[in-house]
Amino acid sequence: MPFTYDDQNVFAKILRGEIPNDTVAETQHTLAFKDITPQAPVHVLVIPKGAYVCHDDFMANASDAEIADFSRLTARIVTDQGLSPGAGGNGYRVISNAGANGVQEVPHYHLHILGGRPLGRMLPKG
């Protein structure tokens, strides 16, 4: 079954300029902005400008240029935010939720970049 994109989701409205955001970085294909309810000292959302529902939709249907742009901007943000272990930072977590079991709240593909403190385990060992 193909993905169905809801163009009334909050990220689509942000991309259309209907809802303001605190932009961290923007490129031709990608927008990154601060989460309005941060879960860590650094909590940035990275979204493609195209209408993609989740990670597998994006990876299967986005152009090579969109995928490269999204990935490179994500890397730039972790460095710019002082999180990258390769640049002296203490690390970060990247999370993407998909569908009901993944507890995806906004049906527009997005990554959460979290860092700035120890984040603990995502899931218990087992």
PDB file of N, CA and C in Angstrom:
ATOM      1  N   MET A   1       0.853  -1.186   0.000  1.00  0.00           N
ATOM      2  CA  MET A   1       0.000   0.000   0.000  1.00  0.00           C
ATOM      3  C   MET A   1       0.894   1.242   0.000  1.00  0.00           C
ATOM      4  N   PRO A   2       0.652   2.199  -0.883  1.00  0.00           N
ATOM      5  CA  PRO A   2       1.483   3.408  -0.926  1.00  0.00           C
ATOM      6  C   PRO A   2       1.226   4.308   0.292  1.00  0.00           C
ATOM      7  N   PHE A   3       2.184   5.161   0.556  1.00  0.00           N
ATOM      8  CA  PHE A   3       2.049   6.100   1.658  1.00  0.00           C
ATOM      9  C   PHE A   3       1.070   7.203   1.276  1.00  0.00           C
ATOM     10  N   THR A   4       0.289   7.650   2.235  1.00  0.00           N
ATOM     11  CA  THR A   4      -0.634   8.759   2.030  1.00  0.00           C
ATOM     12  C   THR A   4      -0.143   9.933   2.866  1.00  0.00           C
ATOM     13  N   TYR A   5       0.200  11.020   2.203  1.00  0.00           N
ATOM     14  CA  TYR A   5       0.723  12.199   2.878  1.00  0.00           C
ATOM     15  C   TYR A   5      -0.406  13.168   3.211  1.00  0.00           C
ATOM     16  N   ASP A   6      -0.467  13.606   4.459  1.00  0.00           N
ATOM     17  CA  ASP A   6      -1.453  14.589   4.916  1.00  0.00           C
ATOM     18  C   ASP A   6      -0.819  15.976   4.865  1.00  0.00           C
ATOM     19  N   ASP A   7      -1.204  16.787   3.901  1.00  0.00           N
ATOM     20  CA  ASP A   7      -0.575  18.100   3.745  1.00  0.00           C
ATOM     21  C   ASP A   7      -1.054  19.127   4.773  1.00  0.00           C
ATOM     22  N   GLN A   8      -1.863  18.696   5.732  1.00  0.00           N
ATOM     23  CA  GLN A   8      -2.283  19.583   6.816  1.00  0.00           C
ATOM     24  C   GLN A   8      -1.509  19.321   8.103  1.00  0.00           C
ATOM     25  N   ASN A   9      -0.493  18.461   8.055  1.00  0.00           N
ATOM     26  CA  ASN A   9       0.290  18.204   9.268  1.00  0.00           C
ATOM     27  C   ASN A   9       1.111  19.443   9.627  1.00  0.00           C
ATOM     28  N   VAL A  10       1.525  19.517  10.880  1.00  0.00           N
ATOM     29  CA  VAL A  10       2.188  20.713  11.393  1.00  0.00           C
ATOM     30  C   VAL A  10       3.481  21.031  10.643  1.00  0.00           C
ATOM     31  N   PHE A  11       4.243  20.023  10.217  1.00  0.00           N
ATOM     32  CA  PHE A  11       5.486  20.309   9.512  1.00  0.00           C
ATOM     33  C   PHE A  11       5.221  20.840   8.102  1.00  0.00           C
ATOM     34  N   ALA A  12       4.179  20.363   7.456  1.00  0.00           N
ATOM     35  CA  ALA A  12       3.795  20.914   6.155  1.00  0.00           C
ATOM     36  C   ALA A  12       3.414  22.387   6.313  1.00  0.00           C
ATOM     37  N   LYS A  13       2.717  22.706   7.397  1.00  0.00           N
ATOM     38  CA  LYS A  13       2.336  24.096   7.652  1.00  0.00           C
ATOM     39  C   LYS A  13       3.558  24.961   7.945  1.00  0.00           C
ATOM     40  N   ILE A  14       4.543  24.409   8.646  1.00  0.00           N
ATOM     41  CA  ILE A  14       5.790  25.139   8.885  1.00  0.00           C
ATOM     42  C   ILE A  14       6.492  25.398   7.562  1.00  0.00           C
ATOM     43  N   LEU A  15       6.573  24.386   6.706  1.00  0.00           N
ATOM     44  CA  LEU A  15       7.237  24.550   5.408  1.00  0.00           C
ATOM     45  C   LEU A  15       6.538  25.593   4.540  1.00  0.00           C
ATOM     46  N   ARG A  16       5.213  25.714   4.670  1.00  0.00           N
ATOM     47  CA  ARG A  16       4.477  26.719   3.891  1.00  0.00           C
ATOM     48  C   ARG A  16       4.517  28.101   4.539  1.00  0.00           C
ATOM     49  N   GLY A  17       5.125  28.205   5.718  1.00  0.00           N
ATOM     50  CA  GLY A  17       5.210  29.491   6.411  1.00  0.00           C
ATOM     51  C   GLY A  17       3.967  29.849   7.195  1.00  0.00           C
ATOM     52  N   GLU A  18       3.052  28.900   7.387  1.00  0.00           N
ATOM     53  CA  GLU A  18       1.819  29.156   8.135  1.00  0.00           C
ATOM     54  C   GLU A  18       2.047  29.123   9.640  1.00  0.00           C
ATOM     55  N   ILE A  19       3.087  28.432  10.080  1.00  0.00           N
ATOM     56  CA  ILE A  19       3.451  28.334  11.489  1.00  0.00           C
ATOM     57  C   ILE A  19       4.915  28.718  11.591  1.00  0.00           C
ATOM     58  N   PRO A  20       5.259  29.621  12.525  1.00  0.00           N
ATOM     59  CA  PRO A  20       6.666  30.008  12.654  1.00  0.00           C
ATOM     60  C   PRO A  20       7.502  28.893  13.281  1.00  0.00           C
ATOM     61  N   ASN A  21       8.805  28.989  13.085  1.00  0.00           N
ATOM     62  CA  ASN A  21       9.729  28.044  13.702  1.00  0.00           C
ATOM     63  C   ASN A  21      11.017  28.771  14.038  1.00  0.00           C
ATOM     64  N   ASP A  22      11.829  28.137  14.877  1.00  0.00           N
ATOM     65  CA  ASP A  22      13.133  28.678  15.242  1.00  0.00           C
ATOM     66  C   ASP A  22      14.175  27.931  14.408  1.00  0.00           C
ATOM     67  N   THR A  23      14.419  28.438  13.209  1.00  0.00           N
ATOM     68  CA  THR A  23      15.286  27.768  12.242  1.00  0.00           C
ATOM     69  C   THR A  23      16.724  27.686  12.736  1.00  0.00           C
ATOM     70  N   VAL A  24      17.297  26.491  12.621  1.00  0.00           N
ATOM     71  CA  VAL A  24      18.700  26.236  12.931  1.00  0.00           C
ATOM     72  C   VAL A  24      19.512  26.257  11.641  1.00  0.00           C
ATOM     73  N   ALA A  25      18.966  25.651  10.578  1.00  0.00           N
ATOM     74  CA  ALA A  25      19.646  25.605   9.283  1.00  0.00           C
ATOM     75  C   ALA A  25      18.611  25.301   8.210  1.00  0.00           C
ATOM     76  N   GLU A  26      18.898  25.747   6.992  1.00  0.00           N
ATOM     77  CA  GLU A  26      17.998  25.476   5.872  1.00  0.00           C
ATOM     78  C   GLU A  26      18.819  25.368   4.598  1.00  0.00           C
ATOM     79  N   THR A  27      18.424  24.413   3.762  1.00  0.00           N
ATOM     80  CA  THR A  27      19.042  24.227   2.455  1.00  0.00           C
ATOM     81  C   THR A  27      17.925  24.132   1.422  1.00  0.00           C
ATOM     82  N   GLN A  28      18.287  23.837   0.211  1.00  0.00           N
ATOM     83  CA  GLN A  28      17.298  23.707  -0.861  1.00  0.00           C
ATOM     84  C   GLN A  28      16.256  22.631  -0.559  1.00  0.00           C
ATOM     85  N   HIS A  29      16.680  21.529   0.057  1.00  0.00           N
ATOM     86  CA  HIS A  29      15.791  20.382   0.248  1.00  0.00           C
ATOM     87  C   HIS A  29      15.426  20.088   1.694  1.00  0.00           C
ATOM     88  N   THR A  30      16.008  20.803   2.661  1.00  0.00           N
ATOM     89  CA  THR A  30      15.892  20.415   4.061  1.00  0.00           C
ATOM     90  C   THR A  30      15.738  21.637   4.957  1.00  0.00           C
ATOM     91  N   LEU A  31      14.940  21.465   6.026  1.00  0.00           N
ATOM     92  CA  LEU A  31      14.786  22.495   7.049  1.00  0.00           C
ATOM     93  C   LEU A  31      15.065  21.862   8.408  1.00  0.00           C
ATOM     94  N   ALA A  32      15.826  22.567   9.245  1.00  0.00           N
ATOM     95  CA  ALA A  32      16.096  22.118  10.610  1.00  0.00           C
ATOM     96  C   ALA A  32      15.719  23.242  11.558  1.00  0.00           C
ATOM     97  N   PHE A  33      15.046  22.879  12.646  1.00  0.00           N
ATOM     98  CA  PHE A  33      14.587  23.885  13.592  1.00  0.00           C
ATOM     99  C   PHE A  33      14.530  23.299  14.998  1.00  0.00           C
ATOM    100  N   LYS A  34      14.517  24.182  15.993  1.00  0.00           N
ATOM    101  CA  LYS A  34      14.477  23.750  17.385  1.00  0.00           C
ATOM    102  C   LYS A  34      13.093  23.185  17.708  1.00  0.00           C
ATOM    103  N   ASP A  35      13.086  22.089  18.465  1.00  0.00           N
ATOM    104  CA  ASP A  35      11.832  21.490  18.921  1.00  0.00           C
ATOM    105  C   ASP A  35      11.190  22.433  19.933  1.00  0.00           C
ATOM    106  N   ILE A  36       9.873  22.602  19.862  1.00  0.00           N
ATOM    107  CA  ILE A  36       9.191  23.521  20.783  1.00  0.00           C
ATOM    108  C   ILE A  36       9.039  22.940  22.193  1.00  0.00           C
ATOM    109  N   THR A  37       9.207  21.629  22.336  1.00  0.00           N
ATOM    110  CA  THR A  37       9.201  20.990  23.651  1.00  0.00           C
ATOM    111  C   THR A  37      10.459  20.131  23.774  1.00  0.00           C
ATOM    112  N   PRO A  38      11.615  20.775  23.927  1.00  0.00           N
ATOM    113  CA  PRO A  38      12.880  20.036  23.907  1.00  0.00           C
ATOM    114  C   PRO A  38      12.979  19.003  25.026  1.00  0.00           C
ATOM    115  N   GLN A  39      13.541  17.852  24.670  1.00  0.00           N
ATOM    116  CA  GLN A  39      13.745  16.763  25.614  1.00  0.00           C
ATOM    117  C   GLN A  39      15.199  16.664  26.064  1.00  0.00           C
ATOM    118  N   ALA A  40      16.041  17.567  25.585  1.00  0.00           N
ATOM    119  CA  ALA A  40      17.460  17.621  25.936  1.00  0.00           C
ATOM    120  C   ALA A  40      17.922  19.051  25.680  1.00  0.00           C
ATOM    121  N   PRO A  41      19.099  19.431  26.200  1.00  0.00           N
ATOM    122  CA  PRO A  41      19.587  20.786  25.955  1.00  0.00           C
ATOM    123  C   PRO A  41      19.666  21.139  24.474  1.00  0.00           C
ATOM    124  N   VAL A  42      20.027  20.170  23.637  1.00  0.00           N
ATOM    125  CA  VAL A  42      19.965  20.353  22.184  1.00  0.00           C
ATOM    126  C   VAL A  42      18.895  19.394  21.679  1.00  0.00           C
ATOM    127  N   HIS A  43      17.878  19.939  21.034  1.00  0.00           N
ATOM    128  CA  HIS A  43      16.821  19.113  20.433  1.00  0.00           C
ATOM    129  C   HIS A  43      16.389  19.804  19.148  1.00  0.00           C
ATOM    130  N   VAL A  44      16.928  19.305  18.042  1.00  0.00           N
ATOM    131  CA  VAL A  44      16.679  19.879  16.726  1.00  0.00           C
ATOM    132  C   VAL A  44      15.911  18.871  15.886  1.00  0.00           C
ATOM    133  N   LEU A  45      14.911  19.334  15.170  1.00  0.00           N
ATOM    134  CA  LEU A  45      14.170  18.515  14.218  1.00  0.00           C
ATOM    135  C   LEU A  45      14.692  18.820  12.820  1.00  0.00           C
ATOM    136  N   VAL A  46      14.913  17.774  12.051  1.00  0.00           N
ATOM    137  CA  VAL A  46      15.373  17.914  10.671  1.00  0.00           C
ATOM    138  C   VAL A  46      14.315  17.288   9.778  1.00  0.00           C
ATOM    139  N   ILE A  47      13.789  18.074   8.823  1.00  0.00           N
ATOM    140  CA  ILE A  47      12.721  17.579   7.949  1.00  0.00           C
ATOM    141  C   ILE A  47      13.061  17.847   6.483  1.00  0.00           C
ATOM    142  N   PRO A  48      12.708  16.902   5.621  1.00  0.00           N
ATOM    143  CA  PRO A  48      12.850  17.192   4.199  1.00  0.00           C
ATOM    144  C   PRO A  48      11.733  18.151   3.776  1.00  0.00           C
ATOM    145  N   LYS A  49      11.977  18.936   2.755  1.00  0.00           N
ATOM    146  CA  LYS A  49      10.949  19.837   2.249  1.00  0.00           C
ATOM    147  C   LYS A  49       9.928  19.105   1.383  1.00  0.00           C
ATOM    148  N   GLY A  50      10.266  17.910   0.937  1.00  0.00           N
ATOM    149  CA  GLY A  50       9.340  17.100   0.154  1.00  0.00           C
ATOM    150  C   GLY A  50       8.324  16.400   1.055  1.00  0.00           C
ATOM    151  N   ALA A  51       7.253  15.922   0.433  1.00  0.00           N
ATOM    152  CA  ALA A  51       6.138  15.289   1.150  1.00  0.00           C
ATOM    153  C   ALA A  51       6.399  13.798   1.355  1.00  0.00           C
ATOM    154  N   TYR A  52       7.130  13.476   2.428  1.00  0.00           N
ATOM    155  CA  TYR A  52       7.443  12.088   2.761  1.00  0.00           C
ATOM    156  C   TYR A  52       6.908  11.783   4.154  1.00  0.00           C
ATOM    157  N   VAL A  53       6.362  10.596   4.332  1.00  0.00           N
ATOM    158  CA  VAL A  53       5.698  10.232   5.580  1.00  0.00           C
ATOM    159  C   VAL A  53       6.685   9.744   6.643  1.00  0.00           C
ATOM    160  N   CYS A  54       7.626   8.894   6.259  1.00  0.00           N
ATOM    161  CA  CYS A  54       8.537   8.288   7.225  1.00  0.00           C
ATOM    162  C   CYS A  54       9.849   7.930   6.536  1.00  0.00           C
ATOM    163  N   HIS A  55      10.767   7.357   7.308  1.00  0.00           N
ATOM    164  CA  HIS A  55      12.109   7.069   6.799  1.00  0.00           C
ATOM    165  C   HIS A  55      12.085   6.189   5.552  1.00  0.00           C
ATOM    166  N   ASP A  56      11.343   5.094   5.575  1.00  0.00           N
ATOM    167  CA  ASP A  56      11.364   4.200   4.411  1.00  0.00           C
ATOM    168  C   ASP A  56      10.715   4.844   3.193  1.00  0.00           C
ATOM    169  N   ASP A  57       9.715   5.679   3.393  1.00  0.00           N
ATOM    170  CA  ASP A  57       9.111   6.431   2.286  1.00  0.00           C
ATOM    171  C   ASP A  57      10.152   7.378   1.685  1.00  0.00           C
ATOM    172  N   PHE A  58      10.852   8.105   2.544  1.00  0.00           N
ATOM    173  CA  PHE A  58      11.878   9.046   2.089  1.00  0.00           C
ATOM    174  C   PHE A  58      12.990   8.326   1.336  1.00  0.00           C
ATOM    175  N   MET A  59      13.512   7.259   1.909  1.00  0.00           N
ATOM    176  CA  MET A  59      14.640   6.556   1.289  1.00  0.00           C
ATOM    177  C   MET A  59      14.249   5.875  -0.022  1.00  0.00           C
ATOM    178  N   ALA A  60      13.002   5.433  -0.139  1.00  0.00           N
ATOM    179  CA  ALA A  60      12.552   4.764  -1.363  1.00  0.00           C
ATOM    180  C   ALA A  60      12.157   5.744  -2.467  1.00  0.00           C
ATOM    181  N   ASN A  61      11.691   6.932  -2.084  1.00  0.00           N
ATOM    182  CA  ASN A  61      11.065   7.811  -3.074  1.00  0.00           C
ATOM    183  C   ASN A  61      11.728   9.173  -3.277  1.00  0.00           C
ATOM    184  N   ALA A  62      12.581   9.594  -2.369  1.00  0.00           N
ATOM    185  CA  ALA A  62      13.261  10.884  -2.519  1.00  0.00           C
ATOM    186  C   ALA A  62      14.347  10.767  -3.581  1.00  0.00           C
ATOM    187  N   SER A  63      14.687  11.893  -4.163  1.00  0.00           N
ATOM    188  CA  SER A  63      15.785  11.913  -5.137  1.00  0.00           C
ATOM    189  C   SER A  63      17.123  11.763  -4.410  1.00  0.00           C
ATOM    190  N   ASP A  64      18.141  11.384  -5.157  1.00  0.00           N
ATOM    191  CA  ASP A  64      19.480  11.290  -4.577  1.00  0.00           C
ATOM    192  C   ASP A  64      19.909  12.640  -3.999  1.00  0.00           C
ATOM    193  N   ALA A  65      19.553  13.708  -4.679  1.00  0.00           N
ATOM    194  CA  ALA A  65      19.918  15.049  -4.198  1.00  0.00           C
ATOM    195  C   ALA A  65      19.248  15.355  -2.863  1.00  0.00           C
ATOM    196  N   GLU A  66      17.973  14.980  -2.706  1.00  0.00           N
ATOM    197  CA  GLU A  66      17.268  15.210  -1.437  1.00  0.00           C
ATOM    198  C   GLU A  66      17.903  14.405  -0.308  1.00  0.00           C
ATOM    199  N   ILE A  67      18.205  13.141  -0.575  1.00  0.00           N
ATOM    200  CA  ILE A  67      18.784  12.271   0.445  1.00  0.00           C
ATOM    201  C   ILE A  67      20.162  12.775   0.861  1.00  0.00           C
ATOM    202  N   ALA A  68      20.989  13.121  -0.102  1.00  0.00           N
ATOM    203  CA  ALA A  68      22.326  13.629   0.215  1.00  0.00           C
ATOM    204  C   ALA A  68      22.245  14.934   0.987  1.00  0.00           C
ATOM    205  N   ASP A  69      21.381  15.833   0.573  1.00  0.00           N
ATOM    206  CA  ASP A  69      21.227  17.126   1.233  1.00  0.00           C
ATOM    207  C   ASP A  69      20.781  16.938   2.681  1.00  0.00           C
ATOM    208  N   PHE A  70      19.789  16.090   2.895  1.00  0.00           N
ATOM    209  CA  PHE A  70      19.256  15.810   4.233  1.00  0.00           C
ATOM    210  C   PHE A  70      20.359  15.233   5.123  1.00  0.00           C
ATOM    211  N   SER A  71      21.076  14.251   4.604  1.00  0.00           N
ATOM    212  CA  SER A  71      22.125  13.588   5.387  1.00  0.00           C
ATOM    213  C   SER A  71      23.260  14.546   5.715  1.00  0.00           C
ATOM    214  N   ARG A  72      23.669  15.335   4.752  1.00  0.00           N
ATOM    215  CA  ARG A  72      24.786  16.258   4.982  1.00  0.00           C
ATOM    216  C   ARG A  72      24.400  17.393   5.924  1.00  0.00           C
ATOM    217  N   LEU A  73      23.164  17.855   5.830  1.00  0.00           N
ATOM    218  CA  LEU A  73      22.744  18.901   6.763  1.00  0.00           C
ATOM    219  C   LEU A  73      22.675  18.341   8.181  1.00  0.00           C
ATOM    220  N   THR A  74      22.206  17.110   8.335  1.00  0.00           N
ATOM    221  CA  THR A  74      22.177  16.488   9.663  1.00  0.00           C
ATOM    222  C   THR A  74      23.590  16.433  10.243  1.00  0.00           C
ATOM    223  N   ALA A  75      24.562  16.015   9.439  1.00  0.00           N
ATOM    224  CA  ALA A  75      25.956  15.962   9.897  1.00  0.00           C
ATOM    225  C   ALA A  75      26.471  17.349  10.263  1.00  0.00           C
ATOM    226  N   ARG A  76      26.121  18.350   9.468  1.00  0.00           N
ATOM    227  CA  ARG A  76      26.568  19.714   9.760  1.00  0.00           C
ATOM    228  C   ARG A  76      25.981  20.219  11.080  1.00  0.00           C
ATOM    229  N   ILE A  77      24.727  19.884  11.329  1.00  0.00           N
ATOM    230  CA  ILE A  77      24.066  20.344  12.556  1.00  0.00           C
ATOM    231  C   ILE A  77      24.728  19.739  13.790  1.00  0.00           C
ATOM    232  N   VAL A  78      25.016  18.427  13.783  1.00  0.00           N
ATOM    233  CA  VAL A  78      25.634  17.833  14.976  1.00  0.00           C
ATOM    234  C   VAL A  78      27.009  18.443  15.237  1.00  0.00           C
ATOM    235  N   THR A  79      27.715  18.816  14.182  1.00  0.00           N
ATOM    236  CA  THR A  79      29.004  19.483  14.358  1.00  0.00           C
ATOM    237  C   THR A  79      28.798  20.909  14.855  1.00  0.00           C
ATOM    238  N   ASP A  80      27.908  21.651  14.201  1.00  0.00           N
ATOM    239  CA  ASP A  80      27.653  23.047  14.583  1.00  0.00           C
ATOM    240  C   ASP A  80      27.132  23.171  16.009  1.00  0.00           C
ATOM    241  N   GLN A  81      26.381  22.174  16.463  1.00  0.00           N
ATOM    242  CA  GLN A  81      25.819  22.202  17.818  1.00  0.00           C
ATOM    243  C   GLN A  81      26.802  21.690  18.871  1.00  0.00           C
ATOM    244  N   GLY A  82      28.018  21.321  18.445  1.00  0.00           N
ATOM    245  CA  GLY A  82      29.040  20.866  19.379  1.00  0.00           C
ATOM    246  C   GLY A  82      28.835  19.457  19.895  1.00  0.00           C
ATOM    247  N   LEU A  83      28.095  18.632  19.143  1.00  0.00           N
ATOM    248  CA  LEU A  83      27.757  17.286  19.595  1.00  0.00           C
ATOM    249  C   LEU A  83      28.650  16.199  19.010  1.00  0.00           C
ATOM    250  N   SER A  84      29.228  16.421  17.858  1.00  0.00           N
ATOM    251  CA  SER A  84      29.951  15.382  17.130  1.00  0.00           C
ATOM    252  C   SER A  84      31.202  14.920  17.871  1.00  0.00           C
ATOM    253  N   PRO A  85      31.294  13.623  18.195  1.00  0.00           N
ATOM    254  CA  PRO A  85      32.510  13.119  18.833  1.00  0.00           C
ATOM    255  C   PRO A  85      33.756  13.357  17.972  1.00  0.00           C
ATOM    256  N   GLY A  86      33.599  13.412  16.662  1.00  0.00           N
ATOM    257  CA  GLY A  86      34.716  13.660  15.767  1.00  0.00           C
ATOM    258  C   GLY A  86      35.218  15.090  15.820  1.00  0.00           C
ATOM    259  N   ALA A  87      34.422  15.972  16.419  1.00  0.00           N
ATOM    260  CA  ALA A  87      34.811  17.376  16.539  1.00  0.00           C
ATOM    261  C   ALA A  87      34.923  17.790  18.005  1.00  0.00           C
ATOM    262  N   GLY A  88      35.120  16.790  18.896  1.00  0.00           N
ATOM    263  CA  GLY A  88      35.310  17.092  20.314  1.00  0.00           C
ATOM    264  C   GLY A  88      34.056  17.083  21.158  1.00  0.00           C
ATOM    265  N   GLY A  89      32.900  16.775  20.565  1.00  0.00           N
ATOM    266  CA  GLY A  89      31.659  16.723  21.328  1.00  0.00           C
ATOM    267  C   GLY A  89      31.510  15.400  22.071  1.00  0.00           C
ATOM    268  N   ASN A  90      30.504  15.346  22.926  1.00  0.00           N
ATOM    269  CA  ASN A  90      30.265  14.156  23.740  1.00  0.00           C
ATOM    270  C   ASN A  90      29.228  13.211  23.163  1.00  0.00           C
ATOM    271  N   GLY A  91      28.747  13.492  21.963  1.00  0.00           N
ATOM    272  CA  GLY A  91      27.824  12.574  21.317  1.00  0.00           C
ATOM    273  C   GLY A  91      26.394  13.086  21.275  1.00  0.00           C
ATOM    274  N   TYR A  92      25.571  12.308  20.624  1.00  0.00           N
ATOM    275  CA  TYR A  92      24.187  12.692  20.374  1.00  0.00           C
ATOM    276  C   TYR A  92      23.375  11.447  20.042  1.00  0.00           C
ATOM    277  N   ARG A  93      22.086  11.621  19.938  1.00  0.00           N
ATOM    278  CA  ARG A  93      21.189  10.557  19.497  1.00  0.00           C
ATOM    279  C   ARG A  93      20.345  11.106  18.359  1.00  0.00           C
ATOM    280  N   VAL A  94      20.109  10.266  17.347  1.00  0.00           N
ATOM    281  CA  VAL A  94      19.221  10.600  16.238  1.00  0.00           C
ATOM    282  C   VAL A  94      18.072   9.610  16.298  1.00  0.00           C
ATOM    283  N   ILE A  95      16.850  10.129  16.324  1.00  0.00           N
ATOM    284  CA  ILE A  95      15.658   9.281  16.426  1.00  0.00           C
ATOM    285  C   ILE A  95      14.703   9.630  15.297  1.00  0.00           C
ATOM    286  N   SER A  96      14.142   8.594  14.691  1.00  0.00           N
ATOM    287  CA  SER A  96      13.061   8.769  13.730  1.00  0.00           C
ATOM    288  C   SER A  96      11.978   7.758  14.069  1.00  0.00           C
ATOM    289  N   ASN A  97      10.798   8.239  14.349  1.00  0.00           N
ATOM    290  CA  ASN A  97       9.665   7.374  14.673  1.00  0.00           C
ATOM    291  C   ASN A  97       8.828   7.159  13.422  1.00  0.00           C
ATOM    292  N   ALA A  98       8.259   5.955  13.270  1.00  0.00           N
ATOM    293  CA  ALA A  98       7.442   5.657  12.087  1.00  0.00           C
ATOM    294  C   ALA A  98       6.218   4.848  12.490  1.00  0.00           C
ATOM    295  N   GLY A  99       5.061   5.332  12.082  1.00  0.00           N
ATOM    296  CA  GLY A  99       3.822   4.593  12.284  1.00  0.00           C
ATOM    297  C   GLY A  99       3.380   4.501  13.731  1.00  0.00           C
ATOM    298  N   ALA A 100       2.299   3.749  13.938  1.00  0.00           N
ATOM    299  CA  ALA A 100       1.673   3.634  15.259  1.00  0.00           C
ATOM    300  C   ALA A 100       2.606   2.995  16.287  1.00  0.00           C
ATOM    301  N   ASN A 101       3.239   1.885  15.946  1.00  0.00           N
ATOM    302  CA  ASN A 101       4.116   1.219  16.908  1.00  0.00           C
ATOM    303  C   ASN A 101       5.376   2.025  17.201  1.00  0.00           C
ATOM    304  N   GLY A 102       5.785   2.855  16.267  1.00  0.00           N
ATOM    305  CA  GLY A 102       6.937   3.729  16.462  1.00  0.00           C
ATOM    306  C   GLY A 102       6.579   5.033  17.140  1.00  0.00           C
ATOM    307  N   VAL A 103       5.295   5.224  17.430  1.00  0.00           N
ATOM    308  CA  VAL A 103       4.760   6.413  18.098  1.00  0.00           C
ATOM    309  C   VAL A 103       5.087   7.687  17.316  1.00  0.00           C
ATOM    310  N   GLN A 104       4.871   7.634  16.003  1.00  0.00           N
ATOM    311  CA  GLN A 104       5.070   8.814  15.165  1.00  0.00           C
ATOM    312  C   GLN A 104       3.901   9.761  15.376  1.00  0.00           C
ATOM    313  N   GLU A 105       4.195  10.969  15.832  1.00  0.00           N
ATOM    314  CA  GLU A 105       3.134  11.946  16.129  1.00  0.00           C
ATOM    315  C   GLU A 105       2.816  12.845  14.949  1.00  0.00           C
ATOM    316  N   VAL A 106       3.807  13.151  14.113  1.00  0.00           N
ATOM    317  CA  VAL A 106       3.586  14.004  12.949  1.00  0.00           C
ATOM    318  C   VAL A 106       3.884  13.174  11.703  1.00  0.00           C
ATOM    319  N   PRO A 107       2.905  13.032  10.807  1.00  0.00           N
ATOM    320  CA  PRO A 107       3.091  12.178   9.630  1.00  0.00           C
ATOM    321  C   PRO A 107       3.867  12.845   8.490  1.00  0.00           C
ATOM    322  N   HIS A 108       5.004  13.413   8.853  1.00  0.00           N
ATOM    323  CA  HIS A 108       5.965  13.973   7.898  1.00  0.00           C
ATOM    324  C   HIS A 108       7.320  13.493   8.398  1.00  0.00           C
ATOM    325  N   TYR A 109       8.115  12.867   7.530  1.00  0.00           N
ATOM    326  CA  TYR A 109       9.405  12.326   7.949  1.00  0.00           C
ATOM    327  C   TYR A 109      10.231  13.387   8.655  1.00  0.00           C
ATOM    328  N   HIS A 110      10.799  13.011   9.776  1.00  0.00           N
ATOM    329  CA  HIS A 110      11.665  13.917  10.516  1.00  0.00           C
ATOM    330  C   HIS A 110      12.615  13.138  11.417  1.00  0.00           C
ATOM    331  N   LEU A 111      13.762  13.749  11.658  1.00  0.00           N
ATOM    332  CA  LEU A 111      14.730  13.230  12.617  1.00  0.00           C
ATOM    333  C   LEU A 111      14.768  14.160  13.812  1.00  0.00           C
ATOM    334  N   HIS A 112      14.889  13.562  14.979  1.00  0.00           N
ATOM    335  CA  HIS A 112      15.186  14.311  16.198  1.00  0.00           C
ATOM    336  C   HIS A 112      16.680  14.159  16.447  1.00  0.00           C
ATOM    337  N   ILE A 113      17.388  15.255  16.597  1.00  0.00           N
ATOM    338  CA  ILE A 113      18.774  15.241  17.045  1.00  0.00           C
ATOM    339  C   ILE A 113      18.755  15.710  18.488  1.00  0.00           C
ATOM    340  N   LEU A 114      19.214  14.842  19.391  1.00  0.00           N
ATOM    341  CA  LEU A 114      19.218  15.165  20.816  1.00  0.00           C
ATOM    342  C   LEU A 114      20.624  15.050  21.371  1.00  0.00           C
ATOM    343  N   GLY A 115      20.990  15.964  22.242  1.00  0.00           N
ATOM    344  CA  GLY A 115      22.306  15.908  22.861  1.00  0.00           C
ATOM    345  C   GLY A 115      22.456  16.989  23.902  1.00  0.00           C
ATOM    346  N   GLY A 116      23.683  17.111  24.393  1.00  0.00           N
ATOM    347  CA  GLY A 116      23.974  18.129  25.396  1.00  0.00           C
ATOM    348  C   GLY A 116      23.960  17.614  26.817  1.00  0.00           C
ATOM    349  N   ARG A 117      23.621  16.333  26.995  1.00  0.00           N
ATOM    350  CA  ARG A 117      23.650  15.687  28.307  1.00  0.00           C
ATOM    351  C   ARG A 117      23.617  14.178  28.071  1.00  0.00           C
ATOM    352  N   PRO A 118      23.998  13.377  29.083  1.00  0.00           N
ATOM    353  CA  PRO A 118      23.850  11.926  28.930  1.00  0.00           C
ATOM    354  C   PRO A 118      22.368  11.586  28.740  1.00  0.00           C
ATOM    355  N   LEU A 119      22.072  10.770  27.750  1.00  0.00           N
ATOM    356  CA  LEU A 119      20.685  10.483  27.394  1.00  0.00           C
ATOM    357  C   LEU A 119      20.171   9.149  27.938  1.00  0.00           C
ATOM    358  N   GLY A 120      21.043   8.343  28.471  1.00  0.00           N
ATOM    359  CA  GLY A 120      20.612   7.036  28.973  1.00  0.00           C
ATOM    360  C   GLY A 120      20.272   6.091  27.834  1.00  0.00           C
ATOM    361  N   ARG A 121      19.889   4.882  28.189  1.00  0.00           N
ATOM    362  CA  ARG A 121      19.527   3.887  27.185  1.00  0.00           C
ATOM    363  C   ARG A 121      18.171   4.234  26.594  1.00  0.00           C
ATOM    364  N   MET A 122      18.024   3.959  25.295  1.00  0.00           N
ATOM    365  CA  MET A 122      16.715   4.130  24.648  1.00  0.00           C
ATOM    366  C   MET A 122      15.768   3.024  25.067  1.00  0.00           C
ATOM    367  N   LEU A 123      16.284   1.811  25.078  1.00  0.00           N
ATOM    368  CA  LEU A 123      15.505   0.635  25.449  1.00  0.00           C
ATOM    369  C   LEU A 123      16.307  -0.164  26.459  1.00  0.00           C
ATOM    370  N   PRO A 124      15.637  -0.878  27.359  1.00  0.00           N
ATOM    371  CA  PRO A 124      16.387  -1.692  28.317  1.00  0.00           C
ATOM    372  C   PRO A 124      17.118  -2.814  27.603  1.00  0.00           C
ATOM    373  N   LYS A 125      18.268  -3.208  28.166  1.00  0.00           N
ATOM    374  CA  LYS A 125      18.998  -4.354  27.611  1.00  0.00           C
ATOM    375  C   LYS A 125      18.124  -5.582  27.720  1.00  0.00           C
ATOM    376  N   GLY A 126      18.257  -6.454  26.765  1.00  0.00           N
ATOM    377  CA  GLY A 126      17.471  -7.654  26.904  1.00  0.00           C
ATOM    378  C   GLY A 126      17.315  -8.324  25.654  1.00  0.00           C
TER     379      GLY A 126
END
